[in-house]
Amino acid sequence: MPPIDPDHWQESETYQQANRLFDAGYYWEAHEAWERLWHASHRTGPVARMLKGLIKLAAAGVKIRELRPAGASTHAGRAQIIFQELCHELGPNFLGQDLESLVAFAERTKISPALLSHETISKHVFVVFDIVLDRG
C-alpha cells in the first residue's frame, strides 16, 4: 500500500474509505484502514502523526460503544494532543481535515465521552460522534 502524499491526499482511496467508515460509525474498521496507512508511512512524520490521531479518535468511538468512558477519554485526550501539535506546526488544515475542529471535538470527547445505555447498544452499527471527516 502506498503512503499518503500530503499534497494529493484526495488520491488515497484507503484514506477516503477510512474517513467514510468513521463517518458511518464503523470506528474499528476505520481504525484498521488508517493503521495500514500509518504503517505505510513508516510511522514517522506529519502524515503518520495525523493518522495516529485519527486512529486514537476511532479507538475512542470503540470505547464509547463498549461503555468504557475512561478508555474513551484517554484515547480522545491523546488524539487532542496530536491534533494540537499538528495545528501549531502545519496550520489549521491537513489532509483535508480541519485540525482546530478535531482539537475541539477530541477535547469534548475527552471531558465528557457520550455514553450510551446498555439498551441502546445492539449488534447494529450506529454513529456515536457528531463530526464528519469525509470532506473529499
C-alpha atoms as a PDB file:
ATOM      1  CA  MET A   1       0.000   0.000   0.000  1.00  0.00           C
ATOM      2  CA  PRO A   2       1.428   3.395  -0.936  1.00  0.00           C
ATOM      3  CA  PRO A   3       1.685   6.065   1.757  1.00  0.00           C
ATOM      4  CA  ILE A   4      -0.444   9.200   1.559  1.00  0.00           C
ATOM      5  CA  ASP A   5       1.082  12.090  -0.355  1.00  0.00           C
ATOM      6  CA  PRO A   6       0.048  15.113   1.757  1.00  0.00           C
ATOM      7  CA  ASP A   7      -0.231  17.262  -1.378  1.00  0.00           C
ATOM      8  CA  HIS A   8      -2.538  14.729  -3.045  1.00  0.00           C
ATOM      9  CA  TRP A   9      -4.352  13.143  -0.100  1.00  0.00           C
ATOM     10  CA  GLN A  10      -7.575  13.032  -2.149  1.00  0.00           C
ATOM     11  CA  GLU A  11      -5.976  10.341  -4.325  1.00  0.00           C
ATOM     12  CA  SER A  12      -5.649   7.883  -1.427  1.00  0.00           C
ATOM     13  CA  GLU A  13      -8.678   5.632  -1.733  1.00  0.00           C
ATOM     14  CA  THR A  14      -7.803   3.921   1.554  1.00  0.00           C
ATOM     15  CA  TYR A  15      -7.746   7.256   3.381  1.00  0.00           C
ATOM     16  CA  GLN A  16     -11.028   8.330   1.810  1.00  0.00           C
ATOM     17  CA  GLN A  17     -12.614   4.973   2.638  1.00  0.00           C
ATOM     18  CA  ALA A  18     -11.407   5.158   6.260  1.00  0.00           C
ATOM     19  CA  ASN A  19     -12.976   8.614   6.593  1.00  0.00           C
ATOM     20  CA  ARG A  20     -16.275   7.300   5.206  1.00  0.00           C
ATOM     21  CA  LEU A  21     -16.152   4.295   7.556  1.00  0.00           C
ATOM     22  CA  PHE A  22     -15.600   6.603  10.534  1.00  0.00           C
ATOM     23  CA  ASP A  23     -18.441   8.896   9.489  1.00  0.00           C
ATOM     24  CA  ALA A  24     -20.771   5.880   9.163  1.00  0.00           C
ATOM     25  CA  GLY A  25     -19.920   4.653  12.670  1.00  0.00           C
ATOM     26  CA  TYR A  26     -17.530   1.854  11.666  1.00  0.00           C
ATOM     27  CA  TYR A  27     -14.835   3.018  14.077  1.00  0.00           C
ATOM     28  CA  TRP A  28     -12.903  -0.247  14.314  1.00  0.00           C
ATOM     29  CA  GLU A  29     -12.804  -0.632  10.540  1.00  0.00           C
ATOM     30  CA  ALA A  30     -11.674   2.984  10.098  1.00  0.00           C
ATOM     31  CA  HIS A  31      -9.006   2.391  12.748  1.00  0.00           C
ATOM     32  CA  GLU A  32      -7.720  -0.635  10.829  1.00  0.00           C
ATOM     33  CA  ALA A  33      -7.597   1.210   7.489  1.00  0.00           C
ATOM     34  CA  TRP A  34      -5.799   4.215   8.987  1.00  0.00           C
ATOM     35  CA  GLU A  35      -3.384   1.860  10.738  1.00  0.00           C
ATOM     36  CA  ARG A  36      -2.403   0.280   7.402  1.00  0.00           C
ATOM     37  CA  LEU A  37      -1.645   3.759   6.068  1.00  0.00           C
ATOM     38  CA  TRP A  38       0.250   4.595   9.267  1.00  0.00           C
ATOM     39  CA  HIS A  39       2.497   1.575   8.709  1.00  0.00           C
ATOM     40  CA  ALA A  40       2.939   2.560   5.034  1.00  0.00           C
ATOM     41  CA  SER A  41       4.205   5.957   6.240  1.00  0.00           C
ATOM     42  CA  HIS A  42       6.822   4.171   8.385  1.00  0.00           C
ATOM     43  CA  ARG A  43       5.118   5.635  11.500  1.00  0.00           C
ATOM     44  CA  THR A  44       7.089   8.895  11.271  1.00  0.00           C
ATOM     45  CA  GLY A  45       6.419  12.406  10.051  1.00  0.00           C
ATOM     46  CA  PRO A  46       3.338  14.614   9.956  1.00  0.00           C
ATOM     47  CA  VAL A  47       1.194  12.209   7.904  1.00  0.00           C
ATOM     48  CA  ALA A  48       1.898   9.365  10.336  1.00  0.00           C
ATOM     49  CA  ARG A  49       1.111  11.592  13.310  1.00  0.00           C
ATOM     50  CA  MET A  50      -2.164  12.700  11.728  1.00  0.00           C
ATOM     51  CA  LEU A  51      -3.112   9.084  11.103  1.00  0.00           C
ATOM     52  CA  LYS A  52      -2.203   8.215  14.685  1.00  0.00           C
ATOM     53  CA  GLY A  53      -4.534  10.963  15.910  1.00  0.00           C
ATOM     54  CA  LEU A  54      -7.358   9.625  13.759  1.00  0.00           C
ATOM     55  CA  ILE A  55      -6.633   6.089  14.987  1.00  0.00           C
ATOM     56  CA  LYS A  56      -6.895   7.309  18.592  1.00  0.00           C
ATOM     57  CA  LEU A  57     -10.159   9.100  17.814  1.00  0.00           C
ATOM     58  CA  ALA A  58     -11.596   5.932  16.270  1.00  0.00           C
ATOM     59  CA  ALA A  59     -10.460   3.966  19.320  1.00  0.00           C
ATOM     60  CA  ALA A  60     -12.392   6.446  21.485  1.00  0.00           C
ATOM     61  CA  GLY A  61     -15.503   5.628  19.461  1.00  0.00           C
ATOM     62  CA  VAL A  62     -14.961   1.928  20.067  1.00  0.00           C
ATOM     63  CA  LYS A  63     -14.554   2.534  23.815  1.00  0.00           C
ATOM     64  CA  ILE A  64     -17.750   4.593  23.916  1.00  0.00           C
ATOM     65  CA  ARG A  65     -19.609   1.676  22.358  1.00  0.00           C
ATOM     66  CA  GLU A  66     -18.068  -0.655  24.940  1.00  0.00           C
ATOM     67  CA  LEU A  67     -19.358   1.670  27.716  1.00  0.00           C
ATOM     68  CA  ARG A  68     -15.787   2.345  28.826  1.00  0.00           C
ATOM     69  CA  PRO A  69     -15.667   6.117  29.441  1.00  0.00           C
ATOM     70  CA  ALA A  70     -12.166   6.127  30.916  1.00  0.00           C
ATOM     71  CA  GLY A  71     -10.749   4.440  27.821  1.00  0.00           C
ATOM     72  CA  ALA A  72     -12.673   6.779  25.521  1.00  0.00           C
ATOM     73  CA  SER A  73     -11.402   9.784  27.441  1.00  0.00           C
ATOM     74  CA  THR A  74      -7.792   8.565  27.337  1.00  0.00           C
ATOM     75  CA  HIS A  75      -7.818   7.928  23.582  1.00  0.00           C
ATOM     76  CA  ALA A  76      -9.578  11.246  22.880  1.00  0.00           C
ATOM     77  CA  GLY A  77      -7.025  13.095  25.030  1.00  0.00           C
ATOM     78  CA  ARG A  78      -4.145  11.561  23.106  1.00  0.00           C
ATOM     79  CA  ALA A  79      -5.815  12.479  19.807  1.00  0.00           C
ATOM     80  CA  GLN A  80      -6.318  16.043  21.050  1.00  0.00           C
ATOM     81  CA  ILE A  81      -2.606  16.452  21.812  1.00  0.00           C
ATOM     82  CA  ILE A  82      -1.606  15.142  18.378  1.00  0.00           C
ATOM     83  CA  PHE A  83      -4.076  17.414  16.564  1.00  0.00           C
ATOM     84  CA  GLN A  84      -2.942  20.444  18.629  1.00  0.00           C
ATOM     85  CA  GLU A  85       0.709  19.795  17.796  1.00  0.00           C
ATOM     86  CA  LEU A  86      -0.052  19.378  14.095  1.00  0.00           C
ATOM     87  CA  CYS A  87      -2.172  22.536  14.078  1.00  0.00           C
ATOM     88  CA  HIS A  88       0.687  24.552  15.619  1.00  0.00           C
ATOM     89  CA  GLU A  89       3.229  23.073  13.186  1.00  0.00           C
ATOM     90  CA  LEU A  90       1.241  22.970   9.954  1.00  0.00           C
ATOM     91  CA  GLY A  91      -1.667  25.374  10.287  1.00  0.00           C
ATOM     92  CA  PRO A  92      -5.388  24.736  10.629  1.00  0.00           C
ATOM     93  CA  ASN A  93      -5.841  22.229   7.784  1.00  0.00           C
ATOM     94  CA  PHE A  94      -4.062  18.994   6.956  1.00  0.00           C
ATOM     95  CA  LEU A  95      -5.035  16.006   4.815  1.00  0.00           C
ATOM     96  CA  GLY A  96      -8.390  17.634   4.176  1.00  0.00           C
ATOM     97  CA  GLN A  97      -9.213  17.907   7.876  1.00  0.00           C
ATOM     98  CA  ASP A  98      -9.940  20.987   9.952  1.00  0.00           C
ATOM     99  CA  LEU A  99      -7.446  20.459  12.770  1.00  0.00           C
ATOM    100  CA  GLU A 100      -8.993  23.116  15.007  1.00  0.00           C
ATOM    101  CA  SER A 101     -12.351  21.313  14.821  1.00  0.00           C
ATOM    102  CA  LEU A 102     -10.656  17.994  15.560  1.00  0.00           C
ATOM    103  CA  VAL A 103      -8.887  19.505  18.590  1.00  0.00           C
ATOM    104  CA  ALA A 104     -12.173  20.870  19.935  1.00  0.00           C
ATOM    105  CA  PHE A 105     -14.037  17.638  19.234  1.00  0.00           C
ATOM    106  CA  ALA A 106     -11.353  15.468  20.850  1.00  0.00           C
ATOM    107  CA  GLU A 107     -11.373  17.750  23.902  1.00  0.00           C
ATOM    108  CA  ARG A 108     -15.184  17.497  24.231  1.00  0.00           C
ATOM    109  CA  THR A 109     -14.941  13.730  23.941  1.00  0.00           C
ATOM    110  CA  LYS A 110     -12.119  13.598  26.500  1.00  0.00           C
ATOM    111  CA  ILE A 111     -14.043  15.682  29.029  1.00  0.00           C
ATOM    112  CA  SER A 112     -17.429  14.078  28.514  1.00  0.00           C
ATOM    113  CA  PRO A 113     -17.492  10.913  26.422  1.00  0.00           C
ATOM    114  CA  ALA A 114     -21.065  10.399  25.223  1.00  0.00           C
ATOM    115  CA  LEU A 115     -22.102   7.132  26.789  1.00  0.00           C
ATOM    116  CA  LEU A 116     -24.945   5.022  25.594  1.00  0.00           C
ATOM    117  CA  SER A 117     -27.233   2.927  27.703  1.00  0.00           C
ATOM    118  CA  HIS A 118     -26.987  -0.849  27.519  1.00  0.00           C
ATOM    119  CA  GLU A 119     -30.473  -0.834  25.990  1.00  0.00           C
ATOM    120  CA  THR A 120     -29.246   1.355  23.109  1.00  0.00           C
ATOM    121  CA  ILE A 121     -26.392  -0.924  22.152  1.00  0.00           C
ATOM    122  CA  SER A 122     -27.218  -3.626  19.653  1.00  0.00           C
ATOM    123  CA  LYS A 123     -25.374  -5.594  17.016  1.00  0.00           C
ATOM    124  CA  HIS A 124     -26.154  -2.849  14.526  1.00  0.00           C
ATOM    125  CA  VAL A 125     -23.629  -0.175  13.663  1.00  0.00           C
ATOM    126  CA  PHE A 126     -24.532   3.298  14.790  1.00  0.00           C
ATOM    127  CA  VAL A 127     -22.784   6.656  14.838  1.00  0.00           C
ATOM    128  CA  VAL A 128     -21.717   7.900  18.274  1.00  0.00           C
ATOM    129  CA  PHE A 129     -19.822  11.003  17.125  1.00  0.00           C
ATOM    130  CA  ASP A 130     -21.224  14.173  15.573  1.00  0.00           C
ATOM    131  CA  ILE A 131     -18.152  15.073  13.493  1.00  0.00           C
ATOM    132  CA  VAL A 132     -17.749  14.395   9.762  1.00  0.00           C
ATOM    133  CA  LEU A 133     -14.296  13.587   8.354  1.00  0.00           C
ATOM    134  CA  ASP A 134     -15.091  12.758   4.736  1.00  0.00           C
ATOM    135  CA  ARG A 135     -14.747  16.105   3.044  1.00  0.00           C
ATOM    136  CA  GLY A 136     -13.290  14.741  -0.186  1.00  0.00           C
END
